[in-house]
Amino acid sequence: DSSLPINADGTIDTDMNLMTPVPNIYVGGDIANAPLLSNDNQ
């Protein structure tokens, strides 16, 4: 119910700096759906 968009699998999208779509909110680890260098930054 927060302003943070949650994916159907429970993960949260981030940018290359691990910031979420909500400014100044960062996530990492098991909940981060983050760009992966070895996967063409997908």
ModelCIF file with pLDDT and N, C-alpha, C, O atoms, coordinates in Angstrom:
data_MODEL
#
_entry.id   MODEL 
#
_entity.id                         1 
_entity.type                       polymer 
_entity.pdbx_number_of_molecules   1 
#
_entity_poly.entity_id                      1 
_entity_poly.type                           'polypeptide(L)' 
_entity_poly.nstd_linkage                   no 
_entity_poly.nstd_monomer                   no 
_entity_poly.pdbx_seq_one_letter_code       DSSLPINADGTIDTDMNLMTPVPNIYVGGDIANAPLLSNDNQ 
_entity_poly.pdbx_seq_one_letter_code_can   DSSLPINADGTIDTDMNLMTPVPNIYVGGDIANAPLLSNDNQ 
_entity_poly.pdbx_strand_id                 A 
#
loop_
_entity_poly_seq.entity_id 
_entity_poly_seq.num 
_entity_poly_seq.mon_id 
_entity_poly_seq.hetero 
1 1  ASP n 
1 2  SER n 
1 3  SER n 
1 4  LEU n 
1 5  PRO n 
1 6  ILE n 
1 7  ASN n 
1 8  ALA n 
1 9  ASP n 
1 10 GLY n 
1 11 THR n 
1 12 ILE n 
1 13 ASP n 
1 14 THR n 
1 15 ASP n 
1 16 MET n 
1 17 ASN n 
1 18 LEU n 
1 19 MET n 
1 20 THR n 
1 21 PRO n 
1 22 VAL n 
1 23 PRO n 
1 24 ASN n 
1 25 ILE n 
1 26 TYR n 
1 27 VAL n 
1 28 GLY n 
1 29 GLY n 
1 30 ASP n 
1 31 ILE n 
1 32 ALA n 
1 33 ASN n 
1 34 ALA n 
1 35 PRO n 
1 36 LEU n 
1 37 LEU n 
1 38 SER n 
1 39 ASN n 
1 40 ASP n 
1 41 ASN n 
1 42 GLN n 
#
_struct_asym.id          A 
_struct_asym.entity_id   1 
#
loop_
_ma_qa_metric.id 
_ma_qa_metric.mode 
_ma_qa_metric.name 
_ma_qa_metric.software_group_id 
_ma_qa_metric.type 
1 global pLDDT . pLDDT 
2 local  pLDDT . pLDDT 
#
_ma_qa_metric_global.metric_id      1 
_ma_qa_metric_global.metric_value   91.24 
_ma_qa_metric_global.model_id       1 
_ma_qa_metric_global.ordinal_id     1 
#
loop_
_ma_qa_metric_local.label_asym_id 
_ma_qa_metric_local.label_comp_id 
_ma_qa_metric_local.label_seq_id 
_ma_qa_metric_local.metric_id 
_ma_qa_metric_local.metric_value 
_ma_qa_metric_local.model_id 
_ma_qa_metric_local.ordinal_id 
A ASP 1  2 91.00 1 1  
A SER 2  2 93.00 1 2  
A SER 3  2 92.00 1 3  
A LEU 4  2 94.00 1 4  
A PRO 5  2 95.00 1 5  
A ILE 6  2 95.00 1 6  
A ASN 7  2 95.00 1 7  
A ALA 8  2 93.00 1 8  
A ASP 9  2 92.00 1 9  
A GLY 10 2 94.00 1 10 
A THR 11 2 95.00 1 11 
A ILE 12 2 96.00 1 12 
A ASP 13 2 97.00 1 13 
A THR 14 2 95.00 1 14 
A ASP 15 2 95.00 1 15 
A MET 16 2 93.00 1 16 
A ASN 17 2 95.00 1 17 
A LEU 18 2 95.00 1 18 
A MET 19 2 95.00 1 19 
A THR 20 2 95.00 1 20 
A PRO 21 2 95.00 1 21 
A VAL 22 2 95.00 1 22 
A PRO 23 2 93.00 1 23 
A ASN 24 2 92.00 1 24 
A ILE 25 2 94.00 1 25 
A TYR 26 2 95.00 1 26 
A VAL 27 2 94.00 1 27 
A GLY 28 2 93.00 1 28 
A GLY 29 2 90.00 1 29 
A ASP 30 2 90.00 1 30 
A ILE 31 2 93.00 1 31 
A ALA 32 2 93.00 1 32 
A ASN 33 2 93.00 1 33 
A ALA 34 2 93.00 1 34 
A PRO 35 2 90.00 1 35 
A LEU 36 2 85.00 1 36 
A LEU 37 2 79.00 1 37 
A SER 38 2 75.00 1 38 
A ASN 39 2 76.00 1 39 
A ASP 40 2 76.00 1 40 
A ASN 41 2 80.00 1 41 
A GLN 42 2 83.00 1 42 
#
loop_
_atom_site.group_PDB 
_atom_site.id 
_atom_site.type_symbol 
_atom_site.label_atom_id 
_atom_site.label_alt_id 
_atom_site.label_comp_id 
_atom_site.label_asym_id 
_atom_site.label_entity_id 
_atom_site.label_seq_id 
_atom_site.pdbx_PDB_ins_code 
_atom_site.Cartn_x 
_atom_site.Cartn_y 
_atom_site.Cartn_z 
_atom_site.occupancy 
_atom_site.B_iso_or_equiv 
_atom_site.pdbx_formal_charge 
_atom_site.auth_seq_id 
_atom_site.auth_comp_id 
_atom_site.auth_asym_id 
_atom_site.auth_atom_id 
_atom_site.pdbx_PDB_model_num 
ATOM 1   N N  . ASP A 1 1  ? 0.805  -1.222  0.000   1.00 91.00 ? 1  ASP A N  1 
ATOM 2   C CA . ASP A 1 1  ? 0.000  0.000   0.000   1.00 91.00 ? 1  ASP A CA 1 
ATOM 3   C C  . ASP A 1 1  ? 0.843  1.279   0.000   1.00 91.00 ? 1  ASP A C  1 
ATOM 4   O O  . ASP A 1 1  ? 0.305  2.377   0.141   1.00 91.00 ? 1  ASP A O  1 
ATOM 5   N N  . SER A 1 2  ? 2.147  1.139   -0.156  1.00 93.00 ? 2  SER A N  1 
ATOM 6   C CA . SER A 1 2  ? 3.020  2.313   -0.203  1.00 93.00 ? 2  SER A CA 1 
ATOM 7   C C  . SER A 1 2  ? 3.082  2.854   -1.630  1.00 93.00 ? 2  SER A C  1 
ATOM 8   O O  . SER A 1 2  ? 2.478  2.289   -2.542  1.00 93.00 ? 2  SER A O  1 
ATOM 9   N N  . SER A 1 3  ? 3.804  3.934   -1.814  1.00 92.00 ? 3  SER A N  1 
ATOM 10  C CA . SER A 1 3  ? 3.954  4.527   -3.153  1.00 92.00 ? 3  SER A CA 1 
ATOM 11  C C  . SER A 1 3  ? 5.002  3.781   -3.989  1.00 92.00 ? 3  SER A C  1 
ATOM 12  O O  . SER A 1 3  ? 5.212  4.107   -5.157  1.00 92.00 ? 3  SER A O  1 
ATOM 13  N N  . LEU A 1 4  ? 5.642  2.801   -3.402  1.00 94.00 ? 4  LEU A N  1 
ATOM 14  C CA . LEU A 1 4  ? 6.680  2.041   -4.082  1.00 94.00 ? 4  LEU A CA 1 
ATOM 15  C C  . LEU A 1 4  ? 6.055  0.951   -4.959  1.00 94.00 ? 4  LEU A C  1 
ATOM 16  O O  . LEU A 1 4  ? 5.339  0.093   -4.442  1.00 94.00 ? 4  LEU A O  1 
ATOM 17  N N  . PRO A 1 5  ? 6.311  0.964   -6.280  1.00 95.00 ? 5  PRO A N  1 
ATOM 18  C CA . PRO A 1 5  ? 5.739  -0.070  -7.144  1.00 95.00 ? 5  PRO A CA 1 
ATOM 19  C C  . PRO A 1 5  ? 6.386  -1.439  -6.871  1.00 95.00 ? 5  PRO A C  1 
ATOM 20  O O  . PRO A 1 5  ? 7.609  -1.573  -6.912  1.00 95.00 ? 5  PRO A O  1 
ATOM 21  N N  . ILE A 1 6  ? 5.561  -2.437  -6.596  1.00 95.00 ? 6  ILE A N  1 
ATOM 22  C CA . ILE A 1 6  ? 6.029  -3.793  -6.313  1.00 95.00 ? 6  ILE A CA 1 
ATOM 23  C C  . ILE A 1 6  ? 5.635  -4.679  -7.492  1.00 95.00 ? 6  ILE A C  1 
ATOM 24  O O  . ILE A 1 6  ? 4.477  -4.679  -7.909  1.00 95.00 ? 6  ILE A O  1 
ATOM 25  N N  . ASN A 1 7  ? 6.593  -5.433  -8.031  1.00 95.00 ? 7  ASN A N  1 
ATOM 26  C CA . ASN A 1 7  ? 6.310  -6.363  -9.123  1.00 95.00 ? 7  ASN A CA 1 
ATOM 27  C C  . ASN A 1 7  ? 5.509  -7.551  -8.599  1.00 95.00 ? 7  ASN A C  1 
ATOM 28  O O  . ASN A 1 7  ? 5.467  -7.791  -7.393  1.00 95.00 ? 7  ASN A O  1 
ATOM 29  N N  . ALA A 1 8  ? 4.879  -8.289  -9.500  1.00 93.00 ? 8  ALA A N  1 
ATOM 30  C CA . ALA A 1 8  ? 4.054  -9.440  -9.123  1.00 93.00 ? 8  ALA A CA 1 
ATOM 31  C C  . ALA A 1 8  ? 4.837  -10.480 -8.322  1.00 93.00 ? 8  ALA A C  1 
ATOM 32  O O  . ALA A 1 8  ? 4.266  -11.175 -7.482  1.00 93.00 ? 8  ALA A O  1 
ATOM 33  N N  . ASP A 1 9  ? 6.146  -10.589 -8.581  1.00 92.00 ? 9  ASP A N  1 
ATOM 34  C CA . ASP A 1 9  ? 6.963  -11.576 -7.855  1.00 92.00 ? 9  ASP A CA 1 
ATOM 35  C C  . ASP A 1 9  ? 7.505  -11.029 -6.534  1.00 92.00 ? 9  ASP A C  1 
ATOM 36  O O  . ASP A 1 9  ? 8.279  -11.707 -5.858  1.00 92.00 ? 9  ASP A O  1 
ATOM 37  N N  . GLY A 1 10 ? 7.103  -9.800  -6.157  1.00 94.00 ? 10 GLY A N  1 
ATOM 38  C CA . GLY A 1 10 ? 7.536  -9.210  -4.899  1.00 94.00 ? 10 GLY A CA 1 
ATOM 39  C C  . GLY A 1 10 ? 8.807  -8.391  -5.003  1.00 94.00 ? 10 GLY A C  1 
ATOM 40  O O  . GLY A 1 10 ? 9.246  -7.817  -4.007  1.00 94.00 ? 10 GLY A O  1 
ATOM 41  N N  . THR A 1 11 ? 9.411  -8.321  -6.185  1.00 95.00 ? 11 THR A N  1 
ATOM 42  C CA . THR A 1 11 ? 10.643 -7.543  -6.350  1.00 95.00 ? 11 THR A CA 1 
ATOM 43  C C  . THR A 1 11 ? 10.309 -6.085  -6.655  1.00 95.00 ? 11 THR A C  1 
ATOM 44  O O  . THR A 1 11 ? 9.167  -5.730  -6.946  1.00 95.00 ? 11 THR A O  1 
ATOM 45  N N  . ILE A 1 12 ? 11.343 -5.259  -6.577  1.00 96.00 ? 12 ILE A N  1 
ATOM 46  C CA . ILE A 1 12 ? 11.190 -3.821  -6.821  1.00 96.00 ? 12 ILE A CA 1 
ATOM 47  C C  . ILE A 1 12 ? 12.224 -3.420  -7.869  1.00 96.00 ? 12 ILE A C  1 
ATOM 48  O O  . ILE A 1 12 ? 13.411 -3.705  -7.715  1.00 96.00 ? 12 ILE A O  1 
ATOM 49  N N  . ASP A 1 13 ? 11.773 -2.759  -8.934  1.00 97.00 ? 13 ASP A N  1 
ATOM 50  C CA . ASP A 1 13 ? 12.673 -2.319  -10.000 1.00 97.00 ? 13 ASP A CA 1 
ATOM 51  C C  . ASP A 1 13 ? 13.591 -1.206  -9.503  1.00 97.00 ? 13 ASP A C  1 
ATOM 52  O O  . ASP A 1 13 ? 13.189 -0.344  -8.722  1.00 97.00 ? 13 ASP A O  1 
ATOM 53  N N  . THR A 1 14 ? 14.846 -1.251  -9.981  1.00 95.00 ? 14 THR A N  1 
ATOM 54  C CA . THR A 1 14 ? 15.804 -0.196  -9.651  1.00 95.00 ? 14 THR A CA 1 
ATOM 55  C C  . THR A 1 14 ? 16.485 0.276   -10.927 1.00 95.00 ? 14 THR A C  1 
ATOM 56  O O  . THR A 1 14 ? 16.369 -0.339  -11.988 1.00 95.00 ? 14 THR A O  1 
ATOM 57  N N  . ASP A 1 15 ? 17.199 1.387   -10.788 1.00 95.00 ? 15 ASP A N  1 
ATOM 58  C CA . ASP A 1 15 ? 18.040 1.845   -11.889 1.00 95.00 ? 15 ASP A CA 1 
ATOM 59  C C  . ASP A 1 15 ? 19.464 1.342   -11.653 1.00 95.00 ? 15 ASP A C  1 
ATOM 60  O O  . ASP A 1 15 ? 19.687 0.498   -10.786 1.00 95.00 ? 15 ASP A O  1 
ATOM 61  N N  . MET A 1 16 ? 20.416 1.850   -12.412 1.00 93.00 ? 16 MET A N  1 
ATOM 62  C CA . MET A 1 16 ? 21.813 1.414   -12.307 1.00 93.00 ? 16 MET A CA 1 
ATOM 63  C C  . MET A 1 16 ? 22.457 1.788   -10.971 1.00 93.00 ? 16 MET A C  1 
ATOM 64  O O  . MET A 1 16 ? 23.530 1.290   -10.632 1.00 93.00 ? 16 MET A O  1 
ATOM 65  N N  . ASN A 1 17 ? 21.796 2.666   -10.218 1.00 95.00 ? 17 ASN A N  1 
ATOM 66  C CA . ASN A 1 17 ? 22.325 3.092   -8.921  1.00 95.00 ? 17 ASN A CA 1 
ATOM 67  C C  . ASN A 1 17 ? 21.562 2.468   -7.757  1.00 95.00 ? 17 ASN A C  1 
ATOM 68  O O  . ASN A 1 17 ? 21.814 2.801   -6.599  1.00 95.00 ? 17 ASN A O  1 
ATOM 69  N N  . LEU A 1 18 ? 20.636 1.572   -8.058  1.00 95.00 ? 18 LEU A N  1 
ATOM 70  C CA . LEU A 1 18 ? 19.766 0.890   -7.097  1.00 95.00 ? 18 LEU A CA 1 
ATOM 71  C C  . LEU A 1 18 ? 18.682 1.799   -6.515  1.00 95.00 ? 18 LEU A C  1 
ATOM 72  O O  . LEU A 1 18 ? 18.085 1.476   -5.488  1.00 95.00 ? 18 LEU A O  1 
ATOM 73  N N  . MET A 1 19 ? 18.424 2.946   -7.177  1.00 95.00 ? 19 MET A N  1 
ATOM 74  C CA . MET A 1 19 ? 17.318 3.797   -6.757  1.00 95.00 ? 19 MET A CA 1 
ATOM 75  C C  . MET A 1 19 ? 16.038 3.283   -7.405  1.00 95.00 ? 19 MET A C  1 
ATOM 76  O O  . MET A 1 19 ? 16.028 2.893   -8.572  1.00 95.00 ? 19 MET A O  1 
ATOM 77  N N  . THR A 1 20 ? 14.967 3.290   -6.631  1.00 95.00 ? 20 THR A N  1 
ATOM 78  C CA . THR A 1 20 ? 13.659 2.849   -7.117  1.00 95.00 ? 20 THR A CA 1 
ATOM 79  C C  . THR A 1 20 ? 13.008 3.978   -7.909  1.00 95.00 ? 20 THR A C  1 
ATOM 80  O O  . THR A 1 20 ? 13.572 5.070   -7.988  1.00 95.00 ? 20 THR A O  1 
ATOM 81  N N  . PRO A 1 21 ? 11.827 3.741   -8.502  1.00 95.00 ? 21 PRO A N  1 
ATOM 82  C CA . PRO A 1 21 ? 11.112 4.829   -9.176  1.00 95.00 ? 21 PRO A CA 1 
ATOM 83  C C  . PRO A 1 21 ? 10.720 5.964   -8.217  1.00 95.00 ? 21 PRO A C  1 
ATOM 84  O O  . PRO A 1 21 ? 10.401 7.066   -8.665  1.00 95.00 ? 21 PRO A O  1 
ATOM 85  N N  . VAL A 1 22 ? 10.743 5.705   -6.912  1.00 95.00 ? 22 VAL A N  1 
ATOM 86  C CA . VAL A 1 22 ? 10.476 6.753   -5.929  1.00 95.00 ? 22 VAL A CA 1 
ATOM 87  C C  . VAL A 1 22 ? 11.822 7.384   -5.566  1.00 95.00 ? 22 VAL A C  1 
ATOM 88  O O  . VAL A 1 22 ? 12.686 6.699   -5.018  1.00 95.00 ? 22 VAL A O  1 
ATOM 89  N N  . PRO A 1 23 ? 12.018 8.666   -5.856  1.00 93.00 ? 23 PRO A N  1 
ATOM 90  C CA . PRO A 1 23 ? 13.323 9.308   -5.609  1.00 93.00 ? 23 PRO A CA 1 
ATOM 91  C C  . PRO A 1 23 ? 13.820 9.119   -4.173  1.00 93.00 ? 23 PRO A C  1 
ATOM 92  O O  . PRO A 1 23 ? 13.058 9.198   -3.209  1.00 93.00 ? 23 PRO A O  1 
ATOM 93  N N  . ASN A 1 24 ? 15.122 8.867   -4.071  1.00 92.00 ? 24 ASN A N  1 
ATOM 94  C CA . ASN A 1 24 ? 15.829 8.713   -2.803  1.00 92.00 ? 24 ASN A CA 1 
ATOM 95  C C  . ASN A 1 24 ? 15.443 7.461   -2.010  1.00 92.00 ? 24 ASN A C  1 
ATOM 96  O O  . ASN A 1 24 ? 15.748 7.361   -0.821  1.00 92.00 ? 24 ASN A O  1 
ATOM 97  N N  . ILE A 1 25 ? 14.786 6.526   -2.650  1.00 94.00 ? 25 ILE A N  1 
ATOM 98  C CA . ILE A 1 25 ? 14.506 5.227   -2.022  1.00 94.00 ? 25 ILE A CA 1 
ATOM 99  C C  . ILE A 1 25 ? 15.323 4.197   -2.795  1.00 94.00 ? 25 ILE A C  1 
ATOM 100 O O  . ILE A 1 25 ? 15.161 4.034   -4.004  1.00 94.00 ? 25 ILE A O  1 
ATOM 101 N N  . TYR A 1 26 ? 16.201 3.508   -2.074  1.00 95.00 ? 26 TYR A N  1 
ATOM 102 C CA . TYR A 1 26 ? 17.102 2.522   -2.673  1.00 95.00 ? 26 TYR A CA 1 
ATOM 103 C C  . TYR A 1 26 ? 16.764 1.135   -2.135  1.00 95.00 ? 26 TYR A C  1 
ATOM 104 O O  . TYR A 1 26 ? 16.363 0.986   -0.980  1.00 95.00 ? 26 TYR A O  1 
ATOM 105 N N  . VAL A 1 27 ? 16.929 0.130   -2.980  1.00 94.00 ? 27 VAL A N  1 
ATOM 106 C CA . VAL A 1 27 ? 16.766 -1.258  -2.521  1.00 94.00 ? 27 VAL A CA 1 
ATOM 107 C C  . VAL A 1 27 ? 17.902 -2.092  -3.103  1.00 94.00 ? 27 VAL A C  1 
ATOM 108 O O  . VAL A 1 27 ? 18.522 -1.722  -4.100  1.00 94.00 ? 27 VAL A O  1 
ATOM 109 N N  . GLY A 1 28 ? 18.153 -3.198  -2.470  1.00 93.00 ? 28 GLY A N  1 
ATOM 110 C CA . GLY A 1 28 ? 19.189 -4.114  -2.949  1.00 93.00 ? 28 GLY A CA 1 
ATOM 111 C C  . GLY A 1 28 ? 18.925 -5.509  -2.438  1.00 93.00 ? 28 GLY A C  1 
ATOM 112 O O  . GLY A 1 28 ? 17.989 -5.739  -1.672  1.00 93.00 ? 28 GLY A O  1 
ATOM 113 N N  . GLY A 1 29 ? 19.743 -6.424  -2.861  1.00 90.00 ? 29 GLY A N  1 
ATOM 114 C CA . GLY A 1 29 ? 19.649 -7.808  -2.402  1.00 90.00 ? 29 GLY A CA 1 
ATOM 115 C C  . GLY A 1 29 ? 18.490 -8.558  -3.033  1.00 90.00 ? 29 GLY A C  1 
ATOM 116 O O  . GLY A 1 29 ? 18.169 -8.365  -4.206  1.00 90.00 ? 29 GLY A O  1 
ATOM 117 N N  . ASP A 1 30 ? 17.868 -9.415  -2.236  1.00 90.00 ? 30 ASP A N  1 
ATOM 118 C CA . ASP A 1 30 ? 16.859 -10.343 -2.742  1.00 90.00 ? 30 ASP A CA 1 
ATOM 119 C C  . ASP A 1 30 ? 15.595 -9.675  -3.268  1.00 90.00 ? 30 ASP A C  1 
ATOM 120 O O  . ASP A 1 30 ? 14.838 -10.303 -4.008  1.00 90.00 ? 30 ASP A O  1 
ATOM 121 N N  . ILE A 1 31 ? 15.351 -8.423  -2.906  1.00 93.00 ? 31 ILE A N  1 
ATOM 122 C CA . ILE A 1 31 ? 14.145 -7.759  -3.398  1.00 93.00 ? 31 ILE A CA 1 
ATOM 123 C C  . ILE A 1 31 ? 14.406 -6.890  -4.624  1.00 93.00 ? 31 ILE A C  1 
ATOM 124 O O  . ILE A 1 31 ? 13.462 -6.401  -5.245  1.00 93.00 ? 31 ILE A O  1 
ATOM 125 N N  . ALA A 1 32 ? 15.668 -6.693  -4.979  1.00 93.00 ? 32 ALA A N  1 
ATOM 126 C CA . ALA A 1 32 ? 16.003 -5.795  -6.089  1.00 93.00 ? 32 ALA A CA 1 
ATOM 127 C C  . ALA A 1 32 ? 15.888 -6.490  -7.440  1.00 93.00 ? 32 ALA A C  1 
ATOM 128 O O  . ALA A 1 32 ? 16.465 -7.557  -7.651  1.00 93.00 ? 32 ALA A O  1 
ATOM 129 N N  . ASN A 1 33 ? 15.153 -5.887  -8.335  1.00 93.00 ? 33 ASN A N  1 
ATOM 130 C CA . ASN A 1 33 ? 15.111 -6.289  -9.731  1.00 93.00 ? 33 ASN A CA 1 
ATOM 131 C C  . ASN A 1 33 ? 15.956 -5.240  -10.451 1.00 93.00 ? 33 ASN A C  1 
ATOM 132 O O  . ASN A 1 33 ? 15.450 -4.237  -10.955 1.00 93.00 ? 33 ASN A O  1 
ATOM 133 N N  . ALA A 1 34 ? 17.265 -5.511  -10.480 1.00 93.00 ? 34 ALA A N  1 
ATOM 134 C CA . ALA A 1 34 ? 18.236 -4.491  -10.865 1.00 93.00 ? 34 ALA A CA 1 
ATOM 135 C C  . ALA A 1 34 ? 18.933 -4.831  -12.178 1.00 93.00 ? 34 ALA A C  1 
ATOM 136 O O  . ALA A 1 34 ? 19.005 -5.999  -12.559 1.00 93.00 ? 34 ALA A O  1 
ATOM 137 N N  . PRO A 1 35 ? 19.451 -3.804  -12.876 1.00 90.00 ? 35 PRO A N  1 
ATOM 138 C CA . PRO A 1 35 ? 20.225 -4.054  -14.099 1.00 90.00 ? 35 PRO A CA 1 
ATOM 139 C C  . PRO A 1 35 ? 21.420 -4.961  -13.802 1.00 90.00 ? 35 PRO A C  1 
ATOM 140 O O  . PRO A 1 35 ? 22.087 -4.823  -12.776 1.00 90.00 ? 35 PRO A O  1 
ATOM 141 N N  . LEU A 1 36 ? 21.666 -5.873  -14.709 1.00 85.00 ? 36 LEU A N  1 
ATOM 142 C CA . LEU A 1 36 ? 22.737 -6.853  -14.540 1.00 85.00 ? 36 LEU A CA 1 
ATOM 143 C C  . LEU A 1 36 ? 23.701 -6.732  -15.708 1.00 85.00 ? 36 LEU A C  1 
ATOM 144 O O  . LEU A 1 36 ? 23.344 -7.034  -16.847 1.00 85.00 ? 36 LEU A O  1 
ATOM 145 N N  . LEU A 1 37 ? 24.916 -6.294  -15.432 1.00 79.00 ? 37 LEU A N  1 
ATOM 146 C CA . LEU A 1 37 ? 25.922 -6.073  -16.466 1.00 79.00 ? 37 LEU A CA 1 
ATOM 147 C C  . LEU A 1 37 ? 26.072 -7.287  -17.376 1.00 79.00 ? 37 LEU A C  1 
ATOM 148 O O  . LEU A 1 37 ? 26.119 -7.146  -18.598 1.00 79.00 ? 37 LEU A O  1 
ATOM 149 N N  . SER A 1 38 ? 26.148 -8.470  -16.789 1.00 75.00 ? 38 SER A N  1 
ATOM 150 C CA . SER A 1 38 ? 26.373 -9.676  -17.589 1.00 75.00 ? 38 SER A CA 1 
ATOM 151 C C  . SER A 1 38 ? 25.132 -10.119 -18.349 1.00 75.00 ? 38 SER A C  1 
ATOM 152 O O  . SER A 1 38 ? 25.159 -11.140 -19.036 1.00 75.00 ? 38 SER A O  1 
ATOM 153 N N  . ASN A 1 39 ? 24.057 -9.369  -18.234 1.00 76.00 ? 39 ASN A N  1 
ATOM 154 C CA . ASN A 1 39 ? 22.811 -9.674  -18.943 1.00 76.00 ? 39 ASN A CA 1 
ATOM 155 C C  . ASN A 1 39 ? 22.389 -8.454  -19.758 1.00 76.00 ? 39 ASN A C  1 
ATOM 156 O O  . ASN A 1 39 ? 21.205 -8.127  -19.832 1.00 76.00 ? 39 ASN A O  1 
ATOM 157 N N  . ASP A 1 40 ? 23.375 -7.777  -20.374 1.00 76.00 ? 40 ASP A N  1 
ATOM 158 C CA . ASP A 1 40 ? 23.140 -6.578  -21.184 1.00 76.00 ? 40 ASP A CA 1 
ATOM 159 C C  . ASP A 1 40 ? 22.376 -5.498  -20.425 1.00 76.00 ? 40 ASP A C  1 
ATOM 160 O O  . ASP A 1 40 ? 21.582 -4.762  -21.011 1.00 76.00 ? 40 ASP A O  1 
ATOM 161 N N  . ASN A 1 41 ? 22.618 -5.405  -19.116 1.00 80.00 ? 41 ASN A N  1 
ATOM 162 C CA . ASN A 1 41 ? 21.978 -4.433  -18.229 1.00 80.00 ? 41 ASN A CA 1 
ATOM 163 C C  . ASN A 1 41 ? 20.455 -4.559  -18.198 1.00 80.00 ? 41 ASN A C  1 
ATOM 164 O O  . ASN A 1 41 ? 19.759 -3.620  -17.810 1.00 80.00 ? 41 ASN A O  1 
ATOM 165 N N  . GLN A 1 42 ? 19.947 -5.704  -18.602 1.00 83.00 ? 42 GLN A N  1 
ATOM 166 C CA . GLN A 1 42 ? 18.525 -5.975  -18.431 1.00 83.00 ? 42 GLN A CA 1 
ATOM 167 C C  . GLN A 1 42 ? 18.287 -6.255  -16.952 1.00 83.00 ? 42 GLN A C  1 
ATOM 168 O O  . GLN A 1 42 ? 17.154 -6.514  -16.547 1.00 83.00 ? 42 GLN A O  1 
#
